Each structure stands twice: as C-alpha cells, then as structure tokens.
Amino acid sequence: RKYIRFTLAMQQRAACALPHPENSLGLHIRHGDKGIERDILDVKQFLPFCAVFLDYGGGSIFVATDSANVIEEIFSKWPRRITKRIVRTPAVQALSRNDTAAFELGVGHHISNTEALTDALALSKCTFLVHGLSALSEAAFYMNPGLIDRSVNLDDEDYYLFADELEHIMLKHGMRRLRRRNTDQGRTNQSTSITETQTSMTDHQ
C-alpha cells in the first residue's frame, strides 16, 4: 500500500502559511470544477462564520481555495477586521478563474499537487473548519480526526443559513464571546443569518 508522506518542504510551507494554528479557523472554499457536479458555495456564505469566530476572540483565519476570484472577492468585499486576520499559502500558482480544475491549468501536476497537499496539511492544523463537500477537506479530517467535531459543512442544508452551529462548537470547546452581537431594530438576533450579518458588518468596516 502507498501512503502520502509530506516532505519537509511541504511541512515548512504549511507552517509558513499558518504560523499560529492555535485558536484558528480554516475555510476551504472550493470553486473551479466543483460546479460541474455540485452547487458552488458562494463566498459570502462563509462571512458570518468568520464574524462569529472573531466575536469569540478567534485568531488566524486560514483560507484554502482553488479560485483566484475567491481571494479577490474576500479582500475587496469583506470587512477589514476579518481580512486582516486572513492567512493563506504563499505564491499559489494553481488558481482558476473559471470551471477549469486546478490540476488542468498547465502549471504542472507536481506544483498543483504540492499546493493542494500543503493546504490540506494547514487545514488539518486549524482549531475549527468551515467547508463544503470536498476530498481536500476529507484529507484534513483524515490527518486530524478530532477536527470533525469542530467543523461545519456548508453543503449540509442544516447549516446553510446560520452561523450558530460554529458558535455552539466554540462554546463547547471553552471559548467565550468577547464582542456583543449586533441587534436589528433593537432585537437581539437569535440566529446570525447571512443577510443579517452582511448588513450589520458594514458598521465595522
């Protein structure tokens, strides 16, 4: 049987991408060719989870993606208080701008495979993970089974609209809210939906 073994260079690359894995949140936002077989998760669906994470004193937010468009949208549309916490693998070459798979971009299979494995390794070291259905996320769980209970799958319809699940997970693991949740017309939100979070977050930019 053959097993994947991470080279020292891969381990160093992952450590460089996520130098402080303690109290971190991983986001795996796969686009590229995913839309051929499944619905693509909108980037804005991940935003409320990041907001809740920071409200509880979260640290780094590691973003793994196969799409240049995802990176551009995050840094152009998300609040500064979130983007300044974002870290990712440096100098990634296999980033698509359409439905072309990362390994078919012509950068070479060795490069695309190395980048994917590095992202999987970094994700496995995160404290919490928000993701969709993907073999890369599964690889992170394989390396760190304990992460399964600290993750939210956005392809699961139960979590599609609300970030409360991540809040429950963080409370379970001893984290406490440091920032009060915004209110809408004087009413405290019991569930942080995507729409409500995007509206209230404009005050933080």
N, C-alpha and C. Protein backbone atom coordinates (compact mmCIF):
# COMPACT_ATOMS: atom_id res chain seq x y z
N ARG A 1 0.84 -1.20 0.00
CA ARG A 1 0.00 0.00 0.00
C ARG A 1 0.87 1.24 0.00
N LYS A 2 0.40 2.27 -0.65
CA LYS A 2 1.15 3.52 -0.73
C LYS A 2 0.46 4.59 0.11
N TYR A 3 1.24 5.37 0.78
CA TYR A 3 0.73 6.44 1.60
C TYR A 3 1.39 7.76 1.18
N ILE A 4 0.65 8.83 1.34
CA ILE A 4 1.23 10.14 1.06
C ILE A 4 2.09 10.55 2.25
N ARG A 5 3.31 10.93 1.96
CA ARG A 5 4.21 11.40 3.01
C ARG A 5 4.57 12.86 2.70
N PHE A 6 4.35 13.70 3.67
CA PHE A 6 4.64 15.11 3.47
C PHE A 6 6.15 15.36 3.57
N THR A 7 6.68 15.98 2.54
CA THR A 7 8.10 16.30 2.55
C THR A 7 8.36 17.42 3.55
N LEU A 8 9.60 17.59 3.91
CA LEU A 8 9.96 18.67 4.82
C LEU A 8 9.58 20.02 4.23
N ALA A 9 9.74 20.15 2.90
CA ALA A 9 9.38 21.41 2.24
C ALA A 9 7.89 21.70 2.38
N MET A 10 7.05 20.66 2.24
CA MET A 10 5.60 20.83 2.39
C MET A 10 5.26 21.24 3.82
N GLN A 11 5.89 20.59 4.78
CA GLN A 11 5.63 20.91 6.18
C GLN A 11 6.03 22.34 6.50
N GLN A 12 7.17 22.76 5.96
CA GLN A 12 7.63 24.12 6.20
C GLN A 12 6.71 25.13 5.51
N ARG A 13 6.23 24.76 4.33
CA ARG A 13 5.32 25.65 3.59
C ARG A 13 4.01 25.82 4.36
N ALA A 14 3.49 24.73 4.91
CA ALA A 14 2.25 24.79 5.70
C ALA A 14 2.45 25.62 6.96
N ALA A 15 3.60 25.45 7.60
CA ALA A 15 3.91 26.21 8.82
C ALA A 15 4.05 27.69 8.51
N CYS A 16 4.56 28.00 7.34
CA CYS A 16 4.70 29.40 6.91
C CYS A 16 3.32 30.00 6.63
N ALA A 17 2.43 29.20 6.04
CA ALA A 17 1.09 29.68 5.71
C ALA A 17 0.25 29.89 6.96
N LEU A 18 0.43 29.03 7.96
CA LEU A 18 -0.34 29.12 9.20
C LEU A 18 0.63 29.04 10.38
N PRO A 19 1.35 30.14 10.66
CA PRO A 19 2.37 30.12 11.71
C PRO A 19 1.80 29.99 13.12
N HIS A 20 0.52 30.37 13.30
CA HIS A 20 -0.10 30.30 14.62
C HIS A 20 -1.42 29.52 14.53
N PRO A 21 -1.33 28.19 14.50
CA PRO A 21 -2.54 27.36 14.33
C PRO A 21 -3.46 27.31 15.54
N GLU A 22 -2.94 27.70 16.70
CA GLU A 22 -3.78 27.67 17.89
C GLU A 22 -4.92 28.69 17.76
N ASN A 23 -6.11 28.27 18.14
CA ASN A 23 -7.30 29.13 18.09
C ASN A 23 -7.50 29.72 16.69
N SER A 24 -7.42 28.88 15.67
CA SER A 24 -7.55 29.33 14.28
C SER A 24 -8.80 28.75 13.62
N LEU A 25 -9.23 29.40 12.56
CA LEU A 25 -10.37 28.94 11.77
C LEU A 25 -9.91 28.67 10.34
N GLY A 26 -10.21 27.49 9.84
CA GLY A 26 -9.90 27.16 8.46
C GLY A 26 -11.13 27.29 7.58
N LEU A 27 -10.96 27.87 6.41
CA LEU A 27 -12.03 27.95 5.42
C LEU A 27 -11.57 27.22 4.17
N HIS A 28 -12.31 26.21 3.75
CA HIS A 28 -11.99 25.60 2.47
C HIS A 28 -13.10 25.97 1.49
N ILE A 29 -12.77 26.86 0.56
CA ILE A 29 -13.75 27.38 -0.39
C ILE A 29 -13.38 26.87 -1.78
N ARG A 30 -13.95 25.75 -2.16
CA ARG A 30 -13.63 25.17 -3.45
C ARG A 30 -14.58 25.66 -4.53
N HIS A 31 -14.04 26.19 -5.60
CA HIS A 31 -14.84 26.60 -6.75
C HIS A 31 -14.35 25.78 -7.95
N GLY A 32 -13.64 26.40 -8.90
CA GLY A 32 -13.09 25.65 -10.03
C GLY A 32 -14.10 24.73 -10.68
N ASP A 33 -13.73 23.44 -10.78
CA ASP A 33 -14.59 22.47 -11.47
C ASP A 33 -15.66 21.88 -10.58
N LYS A 34 -15.79 22.36 -9.34
CA LYS A 34 -16.81 21.80 -8.45
C LYS A 34 -18.21 21.99 -9.02
N GLY A 35 -18.42 23.12 -9.71
CA GLY A 35 -19.74 23.43 -10.24
C GLY A 35 -20.24 22.46 -11.29
N ILE A 36 -19.35 21.64 -11.82
CA ILE A 36 -19.76 20.66 -12.82
C ILE A 36 -20.62 19.57 -12.19
N GLU A 37 -20.33 19.21 -10.93
CA GLU A 37 -21.04 18.13 -10.26
C GLU A 37 -21.90 18.59 -9.09
N ARG A 38 -21.53 19.71 -8.47
CA ARG A 38 -22.27 20.19 -7.29
C ARG A 38 -22.46 21.69 -7.38
N ASP A 39 -23.35 22.20 -6.53
CA ASP A 39 -23.52 23.65 -6.45
C ASP A 39 -22.29 24.26 -5.79
N ILE A 40 -21.86 25.38 -6.32
CA ILE A 40 -20.72 26.09 -5.74
C ILE A 40 -21.21 26.95 -4.58
N LEU A 41 -20.49 26.91 -3.48
CA LEU A 41 -20.83 27.72 -2.31
C LEU A 41 -20.38 29.15 -2.56
N ASP A 42 -21.30 30.08 -2.36
CA ASP A 42 -20.97 31.50 -2.53
C ASP A 42 -20.00 31.91 -1.44
N VAL A 43 -19.04 32.74 -1.80
CA VAL A 43 -18.04 33.19 -0.85
C VAL A 43 -18.69 33.86 0.36
N LYS A 44 -19.76 34.63 0.13
CA LYS A 44 -20.40 35.36 1.23
C LYS A 44 -21.01 34.44 2.27
N GLN A 45 -21.23 33.16 1.94
CA GLN A 45 -21.77 32.23 2.91
C GLN A 45 -20.79 31.97 4.06
N PHE A 46 -19.52 32.18 3.82
CA PHE A 46 -18.51 31.93 4.84
C PHE A 46 -18.33 33.12 5.78
N LEU A 47 -18.77 34.29 5.35
CA LEU A 47 -18.55 35.51 6.11
C LEU A 47 -19.13 35.50 7.52
N PRO A 48 -20.40 35.08 7.72
CA PRO A 48 -20.94 35.10 9.08
C PRO A 48 -20.16 34.23 10.06
N PHE A 49 -19.60 33.13 9.57
CA PHE A 49 -18.83 32.25 10.44
C PHE A 49 -17.54 32.92 10.90
N CYS A 50 -16.94 33.69 10.00
CA CYS A 50 -15.74 34.44 10.37
C CYS A 50 -16.07 35.50 11.41
N ALA A 51 -17.22 36.15 11.25
CA ALA A 51 -17.63 37.19 12.19
C ALA A 51 -17.84 36.60 13.58
N VAL A 52 -18.53 35.48 13.66
CA VAL A 52 -18.75 34.83 14.95
C VAL A 52 -17.42 34.39 15.56
N PHE A 53 -16.55 33.85 14.74
CA PHE A 53 -15.24 33.39 15.21
C PHE A 53 -14.46 34.53 15.86
N LEU A 54 -14.44 35.69 15.23
CA LEU A 54 -13.72 36.83 15.80
C LEU A 54 -14.44 37.39 17.03
N ASP A 55 -15.76 37.31 17.04
CA ASP A 55 -16.51 37.76 18.22
C ASP A 55 -16.12 36.96 19.46
N TYR A 56 -15.66 35.73 19.24
CA TYR A 56 -15.24 34.88 20.35
C TYR A 56 -13.73 34.91 20.57
N GLY A 57 -13.09 35.92 20.06
CA GLY A 57 -11.66 36.08 20.29
C GLY A 57 -10.78 35.20 19.42
N GLY A 58 -11.30 34.78 18.27
CA GLY A 58 -10.53 33.92 17.38
C GLY A 58 -9.29 34.59 16.85
N GLY A 59 -8.33 33.76 16.42
CA GLY A 59 -7.07 34.29 15.91
C GLY A 59 -7.02 34.31 14.39
N SER A 60 -6.13 33.51 13.82
CA SER A 60 -5.94 33.50 12.37
C SER A 60 -7.07 32.78 11.65
N ILE A 61 -7.34 33.24 10.42
CA ILE A 61 -8.32 32.60 9.54
C ILE A 61 -7.56 32.12 8.31
N PHE A 62 -7.39 30.82 8.17
CA PHE A 62 -6.64 30.27 7.04
C PHE A 62 -7.61 29.96 5.90
N VAL A 63 -7.35 30.52 4.73
CA VAL A 63 -8.21 30.31 3.56
C VAL A 63 -7.50 29.40 2.56
N ALA A 64 -8.15 28.30 2.23
CA ALA A 64 -7.67 27.39 1.19
C ALA A 64 -8.69 27.41 0.06
N THR A 65 -8.25 27.71 -1.15
CA THR A 65 -9.17 27.76 -2.29
C THR A 65 -8.41 27.47 -3.57
N ASP A 66 -9.18 27.06 -4.58
CA ASP A 66 -8.60 26.82 -5.90
C ASP A 66 -8.96 27.94 -6.87
N SER A 67 -9.49 29.05 -6.34
CA SER A 67 -10.01 30.11 -7.19
C SER A 67 -9.40 31.47 -6.88
N ALA A 68 -8.86 32.11 -7.90
CA ALA A 68 -8.35 33.48 -7.75
C ALA A 68 -9.50 34.44 -7.48
N ASN A 69 -10.67 34.15 -8.03
CA ASN A 69 -11.83 35.02 -7.83
C ASN A 69 -12.26 35.05 -6.37
N VAL A 70 -12.13 33.93 -5.68
CA VAL A 70 -12.48 33.86 -4.26
C VAL A 70 -11.59 34.80 -3.45
N ILE A 71 -10.30 34.73 -3.70
CA ILE A 71 -9.35 35.59 -2.97
C ILE A 71 -9.66 37.06 -3.23
N GLU A 72 -9.91 37.41 -4.48
CA GLU A 72 -10.19 38.80 -4.82
C GLU A 72 -11.47 39.29 -4.17
N GLU A 73 -12.50 38.45 -4.14
CA GLU A 73 -13.77 38.87 -3.52
C GLU A 73 -13.60 39.07 -2.02
N ILE A 74 -12.89 38.19 -1.37
CA ILE A 74 -12.69 38.31 0.07
C ILE A 74 -12.01 39.63 0.42
N PHE A 75 -10.92 39.93 -0.27
CA PHE A 75 -10.15 41.12 0.09
C PHE A 75 -10.75 42.43 -0.43
N SER A 76 -11.71 42.33 -1.34
CA SER A 76 -12.35 43.55 -1.84
C SER A 76 -13.70 43.82 -1.19
N LYS A 77 -14.35 42.80 -0.64
CA LYS A 77 -15.71 42.98 -0.14
C LYS A 77 -15.89 42.68 1.34
N TRP A 78 -14.99 41.94 1.94
CA TRP A 78 -15.16 41.59 3.35
C TRP A 78 -14.62 42.70 4.24
N PRO A 79 -15.15 42.84 5.46
CA PRO A 79 -14.70 43.88 6.40
C PRO A 79 -13.22 43.73 6.74
N ARG A 80 -12.60 44.84 6.99
CA ARG A 80 -11.18 44.87 7.30
C ARG A 80 -10.86 44.08 8.56
N ARG A 81 -11.73 44.11 9.53
CA ARG A 81 -11.45 43.40 10.80
C ARG A 81 -11.32 41.90 10.57
N ILE A 82 -11.89 41.41 9.47
CA ILE A 82 -11.77 40.00 9.13
C ILE A 82 -10.58 39.75 8.22
N THR A 83 -10.45 40.56 7.17
CA THR A 83 -9.37 40.31 6.20
C THR A 83 -7.98 40.45 6.82
N LYS A 84 -7.85 41.27 7.84
CA LYS A 84 -6.52 41.43 8.45
C LYS A 84 -6.11 40.19 9.23
N ARG A 85 -7.05 39.28 9.48
CA ARG A 85 -6.75 38.03 10.16
C ARG A 85 -6.50 36.88 9.19
N ILE A 86 -6.73 37.11 7.92
CA ILE A 86 -6.65 36.03 6.94
C ILE A 86 -5.20 35.74 6.54
N VAL A 87 -4.88 34.46 6.52
CA VAL A 87 -3.58 33.98 6.05
C VAL A 87 -3.84 32.87 5.03
N ARG A 88 -2.89 32.65 4.15
CA ARG A 88 -3.04 31.58 3.17
C ARG A 88 -1.67 31.16 2.65
N THR A 89 -1.64 30.06 1.94
CA THR A 89 -0.39 29.56 1.39
C THR A 89 0.18 30.59 0.41
N PRO A 90 1.44 30.95 0.55
CA PRO A 90 2.01 31.99 -0.32
C PRO A 90 2.30 31.50 -1.73
N ALA A 91 2.21 32.43 -2.66
CA ALA A 91 2.63 32.20 -4.06
C ALA A 91 1.98 30.98 -4.70
N VAL A 92 0.67 30.82 -4.49
CA VAL A 92 -0.04 29.69 -5.11
C VAL A 92 -0.21 29.96 -6.61
N GLN A 93 0.13 28.98 -7.43
CA GLN A 93 0.04 29.13 -8.88
C GLN A 93 -1.22 28.51 -9.46
N ALA A 94 -1.70 27.44 -8.86
CA ALA A 94 -2.85 26.71 -9.42
C ALA A 94 -4.16 27.30 -8.93
N LEU A 95 -4.45 28.52 -9.39
CA LEU A 95 -5.70 29.19 -9.05
C LEU A 95 -6.49 29.43 -10.33
N SER A 96 -7.70 28.92 -10.36
CA SER A 96 -8.53 29.02 -11.56
C SER A 96 -9.42 30.26 -11.52
N ARG A 97 -9.87 30.72 -12.70
CA ARG A 97 -10.82 31.82 -12.78
C ARG A 97 -12.13 31.37 -13.44
N ASN A 98 -12.27 30.08 -13.66
CA ASN A 98 -13.49 29.55 -14.27
C ASN A 98 -13.71 28.14 -13.74
N ASP A 99 -14.32 27.27 -14.54
CA ASP A 99 -14.59 25.92 -14.07
C ASP A 99 -13.49 24.92 -14.43
N THR A 100 -12.31 25.44 -14.73
CA THR A 100 -11.16 24.58 -15.01
C THR A 100 -10.58 24.07 -13.70
N ALA A 101 -10.34 22.76 -13.61
CA ALA A 101 -9.75 22.19 -12.41
C ALA A 101 -8.33 22.71 -12.22
N ALA A 102 -7.90 22.84 -10.98
CA ALA A 102 -6.58 23.38 -10.68
C ALA A 102 -5.47 22.56 -11.34
N PHE A 103 -5.68 21.23 -11.40
CA PHE A 103 -4.62 20.38 -11.97
C PHE A 103 -4.62 20.39 -13.49
N GLU A 104 -5.55 21.15 -14.10
CA GLU A 104 -5.58 21.25 -15.55
C GLU A 104 -5.22 22.65 -16.05
N LEU A 105 -4.63 23.46 -15.19
CA LEU A 105 -4.29 24.84 -15.55
C LEU A 105 -2.97 24.95 -16.29
N GLY A 106 -2.23 23.87 -16.36
CA GLY A 106 -0.97 23.91 -17.08
C GLY A 106 0.23 24.32 -16.25
N VAL A 107 0.06 24.40 -14.93
CA VAL A 107 1.20 24.79 -14.09
C VAL A 107 2.06 23.59 -13.72
N GLY A 108 1.60 22.40 -14.07
CA GLY A 108 2.35 21.19 -13.74
C GLY A 108 1.72 20.46 -12.57
N HIS A 109 1.58 19.14 -12.70
CA HIS A 109 0.92 18.36 -11.64
C HIS A 109 1.70 18.39 -10.34
N HIS A 110 3.00 18.43 -10.42
CA HIS A 110 3.80 18.47 -9.18
C HIS A 110 3.48 19.73 -8.39
N ILE A 111 3.37 20.86 -9.07
CA ILE A 111 3.08 22.13 -8.38
C ILE A 111 1.67 22.12 -7.81
N SER A 112 0.67 21.75 -8.63
CA SER A 112 -0.72 21.76 -8.16
C SER A 112 -0.93 20.74 -7.03
N ASN A 113 -0.29 19.58 -7.13
CA ASN A 113 -0.41 18.57 -6.07
C ASN A 113 0.24 19.05 -4.78
N THR A 114 1.40 19.66 -4.90
CA THR A 114 2.11 20.17 -3.72
C THR A 114 1.28 21.25 -3.03
N GLU A 115 0.69 22.14 -3.82
CA GLU A 115 -0.13 23.21 -3.24
C GLU A 115 -1.37 22.66 -2.56
N ALA A 116 -2.01 21.66 -3.17
CA ALA A 116 -3.20 21.07 -2.58
C ALA A 116 -2.87 20.35 -1.27
N LEU A 117 -1.79 19.59 -1.26
CA LEU A 117 -1.38 18.86 -0.06
C LEU A 117 -0.98 19.82 1.05
N THR A 118 -0.33 20.91 0.68
CA THR A 118 0.05 21.91 1.68
C THR A 118 -1.19 22.52 2.32
N ASP A 119 -2.19 22.84 1.51
CA ASP A 119 -3.44 23.39 2.04
C ASP A 119 -4.13 22.38 2.96
N ALA A 120 -4.16 21.11 2.56
CA ALA A 120 -4.79 20.07 3.37
C ALA A 120 -4.08 19.95 4.72
N LEU A 121 -2.76 20.01 4.71
CA LEU A 121 -1.99 19.92 5.95
C LEU A 121 -2.27 21.11 6.85
N ALA A 122 -2.30 22.31 6.27
CA ALA A 122 -2.58 23.51 7.07
C ALA A 122 -4.00 23.46 7.64
N LEU A 123 -4.96 23.05 6.83
CA LEU A 123 -6.34 22.94 7.30
C LEU A 123 -6.45 21.96 8.47
N SER A 124 -5.70 20.88 8.40
CA SER A 124 -5.76 19.86 9.46
C SER A 124 -5.26 20.39 10.79
N LYS A 125 -4.48 21.45 10.76
CA LYS A 125 -3.92 22.03 11.99
C LYS A 125 -4.79 23.13 12.57
N CYS A 126 -5.87 23.51 11.85
CA CYS A 126 -6.77 24.55 12.35
C CYS A 126 -7.60 24.03 13.52
N THR A 127 -8.02 24.95 14.38
CA THR A 127 -8.85 24.58 15.52
C THR A 127 -10.28 24.29 15.10
N PHE A 128 -10.78 25.09 14.15
CA PHE A 128 -12.13 24.92 13.62
C PHE A 128 -12.07 24.96 12.10
N LEU A 129 -13.08 24.39 11.45
CA LEU A 129 -13.09 24.35 9.99
C LEU A 129 -14.50 24.55 9.45
N VAL A 130 -14.64 25.44 8.47
CA VAL A 130 -15.89 25.62 7.73
C VAL A 130 -15.60 25.25 6.29
N HIS A 131 -16.41 24.39 5.70
CA HIS A 131 -16.06 23.83 4.40
C HIS A 131 -17.30 23.35 3.66
N GLY A 132 -17.10 22.89 2.43
CA GLY A 132 -18.13 22.20 1.68
C GLY A 132 -17.67 20.78 1.43
N LEU A 133 -18.42 20.03 0.64
CA LEU A 133 -18.03 18.67 0.32
C LEU A 133 -16.80 18.69 -0.58
N SER A 134 -15.75 18.05 -0.15
CA SER A 134 -14.51 18.06 -0.92
C SER A 134 -13.55 17.01 -0.39
N ALA A 135 -12.81 16.39 -1.28
CA ALA A 135 -11.81 15.41 -0.89
C ALA A 135 -10.70 16.07 -0.07
N LEU A 136 -10.42 17.36 -0.33
CA LEU A 136 -9.37 18.06 0.40
C LEU A 136 -9.75 18.22 1.86
N SER A 137 -11.01 18.58 2.12
CA SER A 137 -11.47 18.69 3.50
C SER A 137 -11.44 17.32 4.18
N GLU A 138 -11.82 16.28 3.44
CA GLU A 138 -11.78 14.93 3.98
C GLU A 138 -10.35 14.53 4.35
N ALA A 139 -9.40 14.97 3.53
CA ALA A 139 -7.99 14.68 3.82
C ALA A 139 -7.57 15.34 5.13
N ALA A 140 -8.06 16.57 5.37
CA ALA A 140 -7.75 17.26 6.62
C ALA A 140 -8.30 16.49 7.81
N PHE A 141 -9.51 15.94 7.66
CA PHE A 141 -10.11 15.15 8.73
C PHE A 141 -9.33 13.85 8.96
N TYR A 142 -8.85 13.27 7.88
CA TYR A 142 -8.09 12.03 7.98
C TYR A 142 -6.82 12.25 8.81
N MET A 143 -6.19 13.41 8.61
CA MET A 143 -4.97 13.72 9.36
C MET A 143 -5.26 14.17 10.78
N ASN A 144 -6.45 14.72 11.00
CA ASN A 144 -6.82 15.21 12.32
C ASN A 144 -8.29 14.87 12.58
N PRO A 145 -8.59 13.63 12.98
CA PRO A 145 -9.99 13.20 13.18
C PRO A 145 -10.74 14.07 14.19
N GLY A 146 -10.04 14.64 15.14
CA GLY A 146 -10.71 15.47 16.14
C GLY A 146 -11.34 16.72 15.55
N LEU A 147 -10.89 17.10 14.36
CA LEU A 147 -11.41 18.29 13.71
C LEU A 147 -12.85 18.10 13.23
N ILE A 148 -13.25 16.85 13.06
CA ILE A 148 -14.61 16.56 12.57
C ILE A 148 -15.66 17.19 13.48
N ASP A 149 -15.46 17.09 14.79
CA ASP A 149 -16.42 17.64 15.75
C ASP A 149 -16.29 19.14 15.92
N ARG A 150 -15.31 19.74 15.26
CA ARG A 150 -15.11 21.19 15.34
C ARG A 150 -15.26 21.82 13.96
N SER A 151 -16.12 21.21 13.14
CA SER A 151 -16.28 21.68 11.76
C SER A 151 -17.74 21.87 11.40
N VAL A 152 -17.97 22.68 10.37
CA VAL A 152 -19.32 22.92 9.84
C VAL A 152 -19.26 22.72 8.33
N ASN A 153 -20.13 21.85 7.83
CA ASN A 153 -20.20 21.57 6.39
C ASN A 153 -21.33 22.40 5.78
N LEU A 154 -20.98 23.38 4.97
CA LEU A 154 -22.00 24.27 4.39
C LEU A 154 -22.79 23.60 3.27
N ASP A 155 -22.37 22.44 2.83
CA ASP A 155 -23.18 21.69 1.88
C ASP A 155 -24.28 20.90 2.58
N ASP A 156 -24.27 20.93 3.91
CA ASP A 156 -25.34 20.35 4.72
C ASP A 156 -26.41 21.43 4.89
N GLU A 157 -27.61 21.17 4.44
CA GLU A 157 -28.66 22.21 4.43
C GLU A 157 -28.99 22.73 5.82
N ASP A 158 -28.69 21.97 6.87
CA ASP A 158 -28.97 22.44 8.23
C ASP A 158 -28.12 23.65 8.60
N TYR A 159 -26.95 23.81 7.93
CA TYR A 159 -26.04 24.90 8.27
C TYR A 159 -25.99 25.96 7.18
N TYR A 160 -26.84 25.85 6.20
CA TYR A 160 -26.73 26.70 5.02
C TYR A 160 -26.91 28.18 5.34
N LEU A 161 -27.81 28.51 6.26
CA LEU A 161 -28.12 29.91 6.51
C LEU A 161 -27.57 30.47 7.82
N PHE A 162 -27.15 29.61 8.73
CA PHE A 162 -26.85 30.12 10.06
C PHE A 162 -25.45 29.79 10.54
N ALA A 163 -24.87 30.72 11.28
CA ALA A 163 -23.54 30.54 11.85
C ALA A 163 -23.62 30.08 13.30
N ASP A 164 -24.82 29.86 13.81
CA ASP A 164 -24.97 29.45 15.20
C ASP A 164 -24.27 28.13 15.50
N GLU A 165 -24.19 27.24 14.51
CA GLU A 165 -23.56 25.94 14.76
C GLU A 165 -22.10 26.11 15.17
N LEU A 166 -21.38 27.02 14.50
CA LEU A 166 -19.99 27.27 14.88
C LEU A 166 -19.93 27.86 16.28
N GLU A 167 -20.88 28.73 16.60
CA GLU A 167 -20.93 29.33 17.93
C GLU A 167 -21.10 28.25 18.99
N HIS A 168 -21.98 27.29 18.75
CA HIS A 168 -22.20 26.19 19.69
C HIS A 168 -20.93 25.36 19.86
N ILE A 169 -20.24 25.12 18.75
CA ILE A 169 -19.00 24.34 18.80
C ILE A 169 -17.94 25.06 19.62
N MET A 170 -17.81 26.37 19.42
CA MET A 170 -16.80 27.13 20.15
C MET A 170 -17.12 27.19 21.64
N LEU A 171 -18.39 27.34 21.98
CA LEU A 171 -18.79 27.32 23.39
C LEU A 171 -18.47 25.97 24.02
N LYS A 172 -18.71 24.92 23.27
CA LYS A 172 -18.43 23.57 23.75
C LYS A 172 -16.95 23.39 24.05
N HIS A 173 -16.10 24.08 23.31
CA HIS A 173 -14.66 23.94 23.49
C HIS A 173 -14.07 25.07 24.33
N GLY A 174 -14.91 25.71 25.13
CA GLY A 174 -14.42 26.63 26.14
C GLY A 174 -14.22 28.06 25.73
N MET A 175 -14.62 28.44 24.50
CA MET A 175 -14.46 29.83 24.08
C MET A 175 -15.65 30.66 24.55
N ARG A 176 -15.42 31.92 24.81
CA ARG A 176 -16.48 32.81 25.28
C ARG A 176 -16.53 34.06 24.41
N ARG A 177 -17.74 34.58 24.23
CA ARG A 177 -17.92 35.77 23.38
C ARG A 177 -17.25 36.98 24.01
N LEU A 178 -16.47 37.69 23.20
CA LEU A 178 -15.82 38.92 23.65
C LEU A 178 -16.50 40.15 23.07
N ARG A 179 -17.20 39.97 21.96
CA ARG A 179 -17.84 41.09 21.27
C ARG A 179 -19.34 40.84 21.24
N ARG A 180 -20.14 41.81 21.62
CA ARG A 180 -21.58 41.65 21.64
C ARG A 180 -22.11 41.57 20.21
N ARG A 181 -23.07 40.70 20.03
CA ARG A 181 -23.70 40.57 18.71
C ARG A 181 -24.55 41.80 18.44
N ASN A 182 -24.50 42.29 17.20
CA ASN A 182 -25.29 43.45 16.83
C ASN A 182 -26.77 43.14 16.91
N THR A 183 -27.57 44.18 17.07
CA THR A 183 -29.01 44.00 17.11
C THR A 183 -29.65 44.60 15.89
N ASP A 184 -30.80 44.09 15.53
CA ASP A 184 -31.54 44.58 14.37
C ASP A 184 -32.85 45.18 14.86
N GLN A 185 -32.95 46.52 14.81
CA GLN A 185 -34.15 47.25 15.26
C GLN A 185 -34.43 46.95 16.74
N GLY A 186 -33.34 46.92 17.54
CA GLY A 186 -33.49 46.74 18.97
C GLY A 186 -33.71 45.31 19.40
N ARG A 187 -33.72 44.36 18.47
CA ARG A 187 -33.97 42.97 18.83
C ARG A 187 -32.70 42.16 18.66
N THR A 188 -32.30 41.43 19.70
CA THR A 188 -31.11 40.60 19.61
C THR A 188 -31.38 39.43 18.70
N ASN A 189 -30.50 39.23 17.72
CA ASN A 189 -30.66 38.10 16.81
C ASN A 189 -30.38 36.80 17.52
N GLN A 190 -31.25 35.85 17.41
CA GLN A 190 -31.03 34.54 17.99
C GLN A 190 -30.25 33.65 17.03
N SER A 191 -30.31 33.96 15.73
CA SER A 191 -29.56 33.21 14.72
C SER A 191 -28.92 34.21 13.78
N THR A 192 -27.61 34.08 13.59
CA THR A 192 -26.89 35.01 12.73
C THR A 192 -26.99 34.52 11.30
N SER A 193 -27.91 35.07 10.53
CA SER A 193 -28.06 34.63 9.15
C SER A 193 -27.10 35.41 8.27
N ILE A 194 -26.90 34.91 7.07
CA ILE A 194 -26.01 35.56 6.13
C ILE A 194 -26.44 36.98 5.86
N THR A 195 -27.71 37.19 5.60
CA THR A 195 -28.19 38.52 5.26
C THR A 195 -28.02 39.48 6.43
N GLU A 196 -28.38 39.05 7.65
CA GLU A 196 -28.29 39.92 8.81
C GLU A 196 -26.84 40.28 9.11
N THR A 197 -25.95 39.30 8.98
CA THR A 197 -24.55 39.54 9.27
C THR A 197 -23.95 40.52 8.28
N GLN A 198 -24.26 40.35 6.99
CA GLN A 198 -23.71 41.24 5.99
C GLN A 198 -24.16 42.68 6.22
N THR A 199 -25.42 42.84 6.66
CA THR A 199 -25.95 44.18 6.90
C THR A 199 -25.26 44.82 8.10
N SER A 200 -25.16 44.06 9.20
CA SER A 200 -24.60 44.63 10.40
C SER A 200 -23.10 44.83 10.30
N MET A 201 -22.42 44.02 9.48
CA MET A 201 -20.98 44.10 9.40
C MET A 201 -20.50 45.38 8.72
N THR A 202 -21.37 46.07 8.00
CA THR A 202 -20.96 47.30 7.33
C THR A 202 -20.53 48.35 8.35
N ASP A 203 -21.04 48.23 9.58
CA ASP A 203 -20.68 49.17 10.63
C ASP A 203 -19.25 48.98 11.09
N HIS A 204 -18.67 47.82 10.77
CA HIS A 204 -17.34 47.51 11.27
C HIS A 204 -16.25 47.80 10.27
N GLN A 205 -16.62 48.20 9.05
CA GLN A 205 -15.62 48.43 8.01
C GLN A 205 -14.87 49.74 8.24
